[in-house]
Structure formats: structure tokens, C-alpha cells
């Protein structure tokens, strides 16, 4: 009985843990990267459609606000809609930059970790990376 526990423990350490350690970089740059890219694209689409609502805003761009059909009401409406459109485009652009940075960080993070592990072990900085 104790032989089975010892063999199961050795199998777990040698096969499962070592396989997970060796498979992790492959997963990180394949399935994990695809998940992050899919999340970023879905988040960007959701943000543009729901939060910023650029399609609805552009469709109603030249309609007077609050149904004010006077000349002054139309002028004020178009001025404010242009100002708000600018801010909406700025918010959308900033969100796209944040998502792009998240994908780049996902790609670069393991390389930075490996660099600092090697730096701590060897105590020698890599001149070409600093």
C-alpha cells in the first residue's frame, strides 16, 4: 500500500508538475495569448457599441437636441454634439490604447521575469537589455 502512495507521488512530481512547468510557456504564447486577444477585441467592441455608443451618436448627429427646432436650438445642438463626439472618440481611443498595452504586457511579461531571475542568479546585468 505504501508503495502505491510513493509511486503515485513520484509520478505526480515527475509527470504532472514537470509537464505543467514545461507546458506553461507554450500555453502562455498560444492559447493564453489568443484568450487575451479575444478579450481585448470583445472589450473594444463592447466599449464602442455600448459605453461610447458612437453608432447611435453619429446617426443622431444632426437632429436637434430635446426637439428644439429653432435656429438657435439647432446651432447649440450641433456645437454640443461635436464637443461630446470629440470626448467620446477620445475615450474610445484611450480604451483601445489600454487594451493594446495589456496585450503587449502579456507578451513581454514572461521575458522580463526570466531576465530578472537570471539577473538575480548570476548577479550580472545584461548590458544589451538595460
C-alpha atoms as a PDB file:
ATOM      1  CA  UNK A   1       0.000   0.000   0.000  1.00  0.00           C
ATOM      2  CA  UNK A   2       2.778   2.456   0.866  1.00  0.00           C
ATOM      3  CA  UNK A   3       4.481   1.537  -2.416  1.00  0.00           C
ATOM      4  CA  UNK A   4       1.471   2.800  -4.346  1.00  0.00           C
ATOM      5  CA  UNK A   5       1.495   6.122  -2.490  1.00  0.00           C
ATOM      6  CA  UNK A   6       5.199   6.595  -3.088  1.00  0.00           C
ATOM      7  CA  UNK A   7       4.882   5.707  -6.770  1.00  0.00           C
ATOM      8  CA  UNK A   8       1.854   7.972  -7.148  1.00  0.00           C
ATOM      9  CA  UNK A   9       3.764  10.828  -5.521  1.00  0.00           C
ATOM     10  CA  UNK A  10       6.808  10.308  -7.749  1.00  0.00           C
ATOM     11  CA  UNK A  11       4.564  10.104 -10.813  1.00  0.00           C
ATOM     12  CA  UNK A  12       2.777  13.287  -9.779  1.00  0.00           C
ATOM     13  CA  UNK A  13       6.050  15.170  -9.279  1.00  0.00           C
ATOM     14  CA  UNK A  14       7.834  13.909 -12.361  1.00  0.00           C
ATOM     15  CA  UNK A  15       4.981  13.838 -14.831  1.00  0.00           C
ATOM     16  CA  UNK A  16       2.328  16.329 -13.798  1.00  0.00           C
ATOM     17  CA  UNK A  17       4.380  19.103 -12.187  1.00  0.00           C
ATOM     18  CA  UNK A  18       7.258  18.964 -14.662  1.00  0.00           C
ATOM     19  CA  UNK A  19       4.802  18.771 -17.576  1.00  0.00           C
ATOM     20  CA  UNK A  20       2.959  21.831 -16.250  1.00  0.00           C
ATOM     21  CA  UNK A  21       6.235  23.728 -15.908  1.00  0.00           C
ATOM     22  CA  UNK A  22       7.365  22.793 -19.424  1.00  0.00           C
ATOM     23  CA  UNK A  23       3.918  23.356 -20.987  1.00  0.00           C
ATOM     24  CA  UNK A  24       3.338  26.762 -19.370  1.00  0.00           C
ATOM     25  CA  UNK A  25       5.339  28.858 -21.909  1.00  0.00           C
ATOM     26  CA  UNK A  26       3.659  27.042 -24.784  1.00  0.00           C
ATOM     27  CA  UNK A  27       0.229  27.745 -23.303  1.00  0.00           C
ATOM     28  CA  UNK A  28       1.140  31.362 -22.495  1.00  0.00           C
ATOM     29  CA  UNK A  29       2.072  32.210 -26.069  1.00  0.00           C
ATOM     30  CA  UNK A  30      -0.624  30.105 -27.792  1.00  0.00           C
ATOM     31  CA  UNK A  31      -3.949  29.582 -26.035  1.00  0.00           C
ATOM     32  CA  UNK A  32      -3.339  32.235 -23.400  1.00  0.00           C
ATOM     33  CA  UNK A  33      -2.387  34.863 -25.963  1.00  0.00           C
ATOM     34  CA  UNK A  34      -5.439  34.012 -28.067  1.00  0.00           C
ATOM     35  CA  UNK A  35      -7.636  34.426 -24.979  1.00  0.00           C
ATOM     36  CA  UNK A  36      -6.150  37.829 -24.221  1.00  0.00           C
ATOM     37  CA  UNK A  37      -6.545  38.980 -27.819  1.00  0.00           C
ATOM     38  CA  UNK A  38     -10.143  37.704 -27.896  1.00  0.00           C
ATOM     39  CA  UNK A  39     -10.883  39.501 -24.608  1.00  0.00           C
ATOM     40  CA  UNK A  40      -9.352  42.731 -25.911  1.00  0.00           C
ATOM     41  CA  UNK A  41     -11.327  42.617 -29.144  1.00  0.00           C
ATOM     42  CA  UNK A  42     -14.613  41.814 -27.370  1.00  0.00           C
ATOM     43  CA  UNK A  43     -13.968  44.549 -24.818  1.00  0.00           C
ATOM     44  CA  UNK A  44     -13.188  47.071 -27.529  1.00  0.00           C
ATOM     45  CA  UNK A  45     -16.338  46.129 -29.438  1.00  0.00           C
ATOM     46  CA  UNK A  46     -18.484  46.307 -26.309  1.00  0.00           C
ATOM     47  CA  UNK A  47     -16.932  49.617 -25.299  1.00  0.00           C
ATOM     48  CA  UNK A  48     -17.535  51.185 -28.693  1.00  0.00           C
ATOM     49  CA  UNK A  49     -21.073  49.853 -29.051  1.00  0.00           C
ATOM     50  CA  UNK A  50     -22.450  50.170 -25.533  1.00  0.00           C
ATOM     51  CA  UNK A  51     -20.433  52.617 -23.486  1.00  0.00           C
ATOM     52  CA  UNK A  52     -19.459  55.164 -26.106  1.00  0.00           C
ATOM     53  CA  UNK A  53     -22.361  54.386 -28.484  1.00  0.00           C
ATOM     54  CA  UNK A  54     -20.704  56.000 -31.475  1.00  0.00           C
ATOM     55  CA  UNK A  55     -23.139  54.490 -33.967  1.00  0.00           C
ATOM     56  CA  UNK A  56     -26.201  55.928 -32.263  1.00  0.00           C
ATOM     57  CA  UNK A  57     -24.457  59.227 -31.657  1.00  0.00           C
ATOM     58  CA  UNK A  58     -23.438  59.639 -35.292  1.00  0.00           C
ATOM     59  CA  UNK A  59     -26.899  58.612 -36.506  1.00  0.00           C
ATOM     60  CA  UNK A  60     -28.486  61.402 -34.439  1.00  0.00           C
ATOM     61  CA  UNK A  61     -25.718  63.943 -35.008  1.00  0.00           C
ATOM     62  CA  UNK A  62     -27.769  66.485 -36.960  1.00  0.00           C
ATOM     63  CA  UNK A  63     -31.060  66.074 -35.131  1.00  0.00           C
ATOM     64  CA  UNK A  64     -31.845  68.873 -32.695  1.00  0.00           C
ATOM     65  CA  UNK A  65     -31.483  68.050 -29.030  1.00  0.00           C
ATOM     66  CA  UNK A  66     -34.644  67.918 -26.901  1.00  0.00           C
ATOM     67  CA  UNK A  67     -36.760  68.529 -30.028  1.00  0.00           C
ATOM     68  CA  UNK A  68     -35.835  72.225 -30.132  1.00  0.00           C
ATOM     69  CA  UNK A  69     -36.476  73.094 -33.774  1.00  0.00           C
ATOM     70  CA  UNK A  70     -35.484  76.772 -33.556  1.00  0.00           C
ATOM     71  CA  UNK A  71     -32.369  78.019 -35.330  1.00  0.00           C
ATOM     72  CA  UNK A  72     -30.602  78.703 -32.033  1.00  0.00           C
ATOM     73  CA  UNK A  73     -31.554  75.272 -30.737  1.00  0.00           C
ATOM     74  CA  UNK A  74     -30.140  73.586 -33.824  1.00  0.00           C
ATOM     75  CA  UNK A  75     -26.883  75.584 -33.624  1.00  0.00           C
ATOM     76  CA  UNK A  76     -26.422  74.834 -29.917  1.00  0.00           C
ATOM     77  CA  UNK A  77     -27.247  71.163 -30.529  1.00  0.00           C
ATOM     78  CA  UNK A  78     -24.676  70.726 -33.287  1.00  0.00           C
ATOM     79  CA  UNK A  79     -21.976  72.525 -31.282  1.00  0.00           C
ATOM     80  CA  UNK A  80     -22.567  70.403 -28.196  1.00  0.00           C
ATOM     81  CA  UNK A  81     -22.835  67.190 -30.176  1.00  0.00           C
ATOM     82  CA  UNK A  82     -19.473  67.909 -31.843  1.00  0.00           C
ATOM     83  CA  UNK A  83     -17.886  68.579 -28.439  1.00  0.00           C
ATOM     84  CA  UNK A  84     -19.371  65.410 -26.974  1.00  0.00           C
ATOM     85  CA  UNK A  85     -18.334  63.422 -30.058  1.00  0.00           C
ATOM     86  CA  UNK A  86     -14.752  64.611 -29.554  1.00  0.00           C
ATOM     87  CA  UNK A  87     -14.783  63.371 -25.947  1.00  0.00           C
ATOM     88  CA  UNK A  88     -16.363  60.066 -26.935  1.00  0.00           C
ATOM     89  CA  UNK A  89     -13.705  59.498 -29.605  1.00  0.00           C
ATOM     90  CA  UNK A  90     -11.001  60.406 -27.098  1.00  0.00           C
ATOM     91  CA  UNK A  91     -12.412  57.930 -24.555  1.00  0.00           C
ATOM     92  CA  UNK A  92     -12.622  55.200 -27.197  1.00  0.00           C
ATOM     93  CA  UNK A  93      -9.057  55.884 -28.325  1.00  0.00           C
ATOM     94  CA  UNK A  94      -7.742  55.759 -24.767  1.00  0.00           C
ATOM     95  CA  UNK A  95      -9.532  52.473 -24.129  1.00  0.00           C
ATOM     96  CA  UNK A  96      -8.022  50.986 -27.298  1.00  0.00           C
ATOM     97  CA  UNK A  97      -4.566  52.087 -26.141  1.00  0.00           C
ATOM     98  CA  UNK A  98      -5.136  50.434 -22.745  1.00  0.00           C
ATOM     99  CA  UNK A  99      -6.185  47.183 -24.410  1.00  0.00           C
ATOM    100  CA  UNK A 100      -3.195  47.267 -26.754  1.00  0.00           C
ATOM    101  CA  UNK A 101      -0.854  47.808 -23.791  1.00  0.00           C
ATOM    102  CA  UNK A 102      -2.454  44.850 -21.994  1.00  0.00           C
ATOM    103  CA  UNK A 103      -1.743  42.556 -24.953  1.00  0.00           C
ATOM    104  CA  UNK A 104       1.848  43.834 -25.213  1.00  0.00           C
ATOM    105  CA  UNK A 105       2.360  43.308 -21.469  1.00  0.00           C
ATOM    106  CA  UNK A 106       1.035  39.760 -21.809  1.00  0.00           C
ATOM    107  CA  UNK A 107       3.681  39.084 -24.444  1.00  0.00           C
ATOM    108  CA  UNK A 108       6.581  40.785 -22.652  1.00  0.00           C
ATOM    109  CA  UNK A 109       5.911  39.761 -19.029  1.00  0.00           C
ATOM    110  CA  UNK A 110       7.491  36.264 -19.085  1.00  0.00           C
ATOM    111  CA  UNK A 111      10.598  37.606 -20.807  1.00  0.00           C
ATOM    112  CA  UNK A 112      11.019  40.252 -18.121  1.00  0.00           C
ATOM    113  CA  UNK A 113      10.551  37.660 -15.374  1.00  0.00           C
ATOM    114  CA  UNK A 114      13.172  35.381 -16.939  1.00  0.00           C
ATOM    115  CA  UNK A 115      15.541  38.328 -17.283  1.00  0.00           C
ATOM    116  CA  UNK A 116      15.248  39.216 -13.591  1.00  0.00           C
ATOM    117  CA  UNK A 117      15.560  35.597 -12.468  1.00  0.00           C
ATOM    118  CA  UNK A 118      18.798  35.220 -14.443  1.00  0.00           C
ATOM    119  CA  UNK A 119      19.967  38.609 -13.136  1.00  0.00           C
ATOM    120  CA  UNK A 120      19.372  37.529  -9.525  1.00  0.00           C
ATOM    121  CA  UNK A 121      21.101  34.184 -10.015  1.00  0.00           C
ATOM    122  CA  UNK A 122      24.163  35.457 -11.882  1.00  0.00           C
ATOM    123  CA  UNK A 123      24.264  38.975 -10.377  1.00  0.00           C
ATOM    124  CA  UNK A 124      25.398  40.210 -13.745  1.00  0.00           C
ATOM    125  CA  UNK A 125      23.181  42.619 -15.707  1.00  0.00           C
ATOM    126  CA  UNK A 126      22.674  42.051 -19.365  1.00  0.00           C
ATOM    127  CA  UNK A 127      24.041  45.190 -20.921  1.00  0.00           C
ATOM    128  CA  UNK A 128      22.111  44.836 -24.159  1.00  0.00           C
ATOM    129  CA  UNK A 129      18.787  44.733 -22.283  1.00  0.00           C
ATOM    130  CA  UNK A 130      19.300  47.658 -19.900  1.00  0.00           C
END
